[in-house]
Amino acid sequence: MNLNAPSQTLFIVAVVIAVIALLGQIIAIPFVSVYAFWILLLAFIILAVGVMMRGT
């Protein structure tokens, strides 16, 4: 399996989602605080898919 660098857009999307999840863990944000772990996991999965796919 070849791994490639994700596109800059995909990387930024994953980082923004991860930061929102981390802020939800620190600050009480209604939906985000309850599901902060799962939102952070989603950001990681998006980044991992971007690394495994070619040309994204």
N, C-alpha and C. Protein backbone atom coordinates (compact mmCIF):
# COMPACT_ATOMS: atom_id res chain seq x y z
N MET A 1 0.85 -1.17 0.00
CA MET A 1 0.00 0.00 0.00
C MET A 1 0.89 1.23 0.00
N ASN A 2 0.66 2.10 -0.97
CA ASN A 2 1.38 3.37 -1.02
C ASN A 2 0.62 4.42 -0.25
N LEU A 3 1.34 5.15 0.56
CA LEU A 3 0.73 6.26 1.30
C LEU A 3 1.16 7.56 0.66
N ASN A 4 0.24 8.48 0.53
CA ASN A 4 0.50 9.77 -0.09
C ASN A 4 0.12 10.88 0.89
N ALA A 5 0.71 12.02 0.68
CA ALA A 5 0.34 13.17 1.50
C ALA A 5 -1.08 13.60 1.13
N PRO A 6 -1.90 13.94 2.13
CA PRO A 6 -3.26 14.42 1.81
C PRO A 6 -3.19 15.81 1.20
N SER A 7 -4.24 16.19 0.50
CA SER A 7 -4.27 17.55 -0.04
C SER A 7 -4.34 18.55 1.10
N GLN A 8 -3.96 19.75 0.80
CA GLN A 8 -3.96 20.78 1.83
C GLN A 8 -5.38 21.05 2.33
N THR A 9 -6.34 21.02 1.44
CA THR A 9 -7.73 21.26 1.83
C THR A 9 -8.22 20.19 2.80
N LEU A 10 -7.95 18.94 2.48
CA LEU A 10 -8.37 17.84 3.33
C LEU A 10 -7.69 17.91 4.69
N PHE A 11 -6.43 18.27 4.70
CA PHE A 11 -5.69 18.42 5.96
C PHE A 11 -6.30 19.52 6.81
N ILE A 12 -6.61 20.64 6.20
CA ILE A 12 -7.19 21.77 6.95
C ILE A 12 -8.56 21.40 7.51
N VAL A 13 -9.37 20.68 6.73
CA VAL A 13 -10.69 20.25 7.20
C VAL A 13 -10.54 19.34 8.41
N ALA A 14 -9.61 18.39 8.36
CA ALA A 14 -9.40 17.48 9.48
C ALA A 14 -8.91 18.23 10.72
N VAL A 15 -8.03 19.20 10.53
CA VAL A 15 -7.52 19.97 11.68
C VAL A 15 -8.63 20.82 12.29
N VAL A 16 -9.46 21.44 11.46
CA VAL A 16 -10.56 22.27 11.98
C VAL A 16 -11.54 21.41 12.78
N ILE A 17 -11.88 20.23 12.26
CA ILE A 17 -12.78 19.34 12.99
C ILE A 17 -12.15 18.90 14.31
N ALA A 18 -10.85 18.60 14.30
CA ALA A 18 -10.17 18.19 15.52
C ALA A 18 -10.13 19.33 16.55
N VAL A 19 -9.89 20.53 16.10
CA VAL A 19 -9.85 21.68 17.02
C VAL A 19 -11.23 21.92 17.62
N ILE A 20 -12.28 21.78 16.82
CA ILE A 20 -13.63 21.93 17.34
C ILE A 20 -13.91 20.88 18.42
N ALA A 21 -13.48 19.65 18.17
CA ALA A 21 -13.68 18.58 19.16
C ALA A 21 -12.90 18.87 20.44
N LEU A 22 -11.67 19.35 20.30
CA LEU A 22 -10.89 19.67 21.50
C LEU A 22 -11.49 20.84 22.27
N LEU A 23 -11.97 21.84 21.56
CA LEU A 23 -12.64 22.95 22.24
C LEU A 23 -13.91 22.48 22.94
N GLY A 24 -14.61 21.54 22.33
CA GLY A 24 -15.80 20.98 22.95
C GLY A 24 -15.49 20.23 24.22
N GLN A 25 -14.29 19.70 24.33
CA GLN A 25 -13.88 19.02 25.55
C GLN A 25 -13.55 20.02 26.66
N ILE A 26 -13.06 21.17 26.28
CA ILE A 26 -12.64 22.20 27.26
C ILE A 26 -13.80 23.12 27.63
N ILE A 27 -14.55 23.56 26.62
CA ILE A 27 -15.64 24.51 26.78
C ILE A 27 -16.95 23.78 26.51
N ALA A 28 -17.99 24.10 27.23
CA ALA A 28 -19.29 23.44 27.05
C ALA A 28 -19.95 23.95 25.77
N ILE A 29 -19.89 23.14 24.72
CA ILE A 29 -20.57 23.42 23.46
C ILE A 29 -21.65 22.34 23.33
N PRO A 30 -22.92 22.73 23.19
CA PRO A 30 -24.03 21.77 23.32
C PRO A 30 -23.84 20.41 22.65
N PHE A 31 -23.72 20.31 21.36
CA PHE A 31 -23.63 19.01 20.70
C PHE A 31 -22.21 18.46 20.74
N VAL A 32 -21.26 19.34 20.57
CA VAL A 32 -19.86 18.92 20.43
C VAL A 32 -19.31 18.34 21.73
N SER A 33 -19.67 18.91 22.85
CA SER A 33 -19.13 18.44 24.13
C SER A 33 -19.55 17.00 24.43
N VAL A 34 -20.74 16.63 24.02
CA VAL A 34 -21.24 15.28 24.29
C VAL A 34 -20.50 14.26 23.43
N TYR A 35 -20.23 14.61 22.18
CA TYR A 35 -19.63 13.68 21.23
C TYR A 35 -18.21 14.07 20.84
N ALA A 36 -17.47 14.71 21.72
CA ALA A 36 -16.13 15.22 21.39
C ALA A 36 -15.19 14.10 20.94
N PHE A 37 -15.21 12.97 21.63
CA PHE A 37 -14.33 11.86 21.25
C PHE A 37 -14.64 11.37 19.84
N TRP A 38 -15.92 11.20 19.53
CA TRP A 38 -16.31 10.67 18.23
C TRP A 38 -16.04 11.67 17.12
N ILE A 39 -16.16 12.95 17.42
CA ILE A 39 -15.85 13.97 16.42
C ILE A 39 -14.35 13.99 16.15
N LEU A 40 -13.55 13.83 17.19
CA LEU A 40 -12.10 13.76 17.01
C LEU A 40 -11.71 12.51 16.23
N LEU A 41 -12.39 11.40 16.49
CA LEU A 41 -12.15 10.18 15.74
C LEU A 41 -12.51 10.37 14.27
N LEU A 42 -13.59 11.08 14.00
CA LEU A 42 -13.99 11.39 12.63
C LEU A 42 -12.91 12.20 11.92
N ALA A 43 -12.33 13.16 12.60
CA ALA A 43 -11.26 13.97 12.00
C ALA A 43 -10.06 13.09 11.66
N PHE A 44 -9.72 12.15 12.54
CA PHE A 44 -8.61 11.25 12.26
C PHE A 44 -8.92 10.34 11.08
N ILE A 45 -10.14 9.84 11.00
CA ILE A 45 -10.52 8.96 9.89
C ILE A 45 -10.46 9.72 8.57
N ILE A 46 -10.92 10.95 8.57
CA ILE A 46 -10.85 11.77 7.35
C ILE A 46 -9.40 11.95 6.93
N LEU A 47 -8.52 12.21 7.88
CA LEU A 47 -7.11 12.38 7.56
C LEU A 47 -6.50 11.07 7.09
N ALA A 48 -6.85 9.96 7.71
CA ALA A 48 -6.31 8.66 7.31
C ALA A 48 -6.78 8.29 5.90
N VAL A 49 -8.03 8.54 5.58
CA VAL A 49 -8.53 8.27 4.23
C VAL A 49 -7.81 9.14 3.22
N GLY A 50 -7.55 10.37 3.58
CA GLY A 50 -6.81 11.27 2.68
C GLY A 50 -5.39 10.80 2.42
N VAL A 51 -4.78 10.17 3.39
CA VAL A 51 -3.42 9.64 3.22
C VAL A 51 -3.45 8.38 2.33
N MET A 52 -4.47 7.58 2.46
CA MET A 52 -4.53 6.33 1.70
C MET A 52 -5.02 6.51 0.26
N MET A 53 -5.80 7.55 0.00
CA MET A 53 -6.32 7.76 -1.35
C MET A 53 -5.30 8.53 -2.19
N ARG A 54 -5.35 8.27 -3.47
CA ARG A 54 -4.41 8.92 -4.37
C ARG A 54 -5.05 10.15 -5.00
N GLY A 55 -4.33 11.26 -4.97
CA GLY A 55 -4.80 12.47 -5.65
C GLY A 55 -5.93 13.20 -4.98
N THR A 56 -6.09 13.08 -3.66
CA THR A 56 -7.15 13.81 -2.97
C THR A 56 -6.58 15.01 -2.28
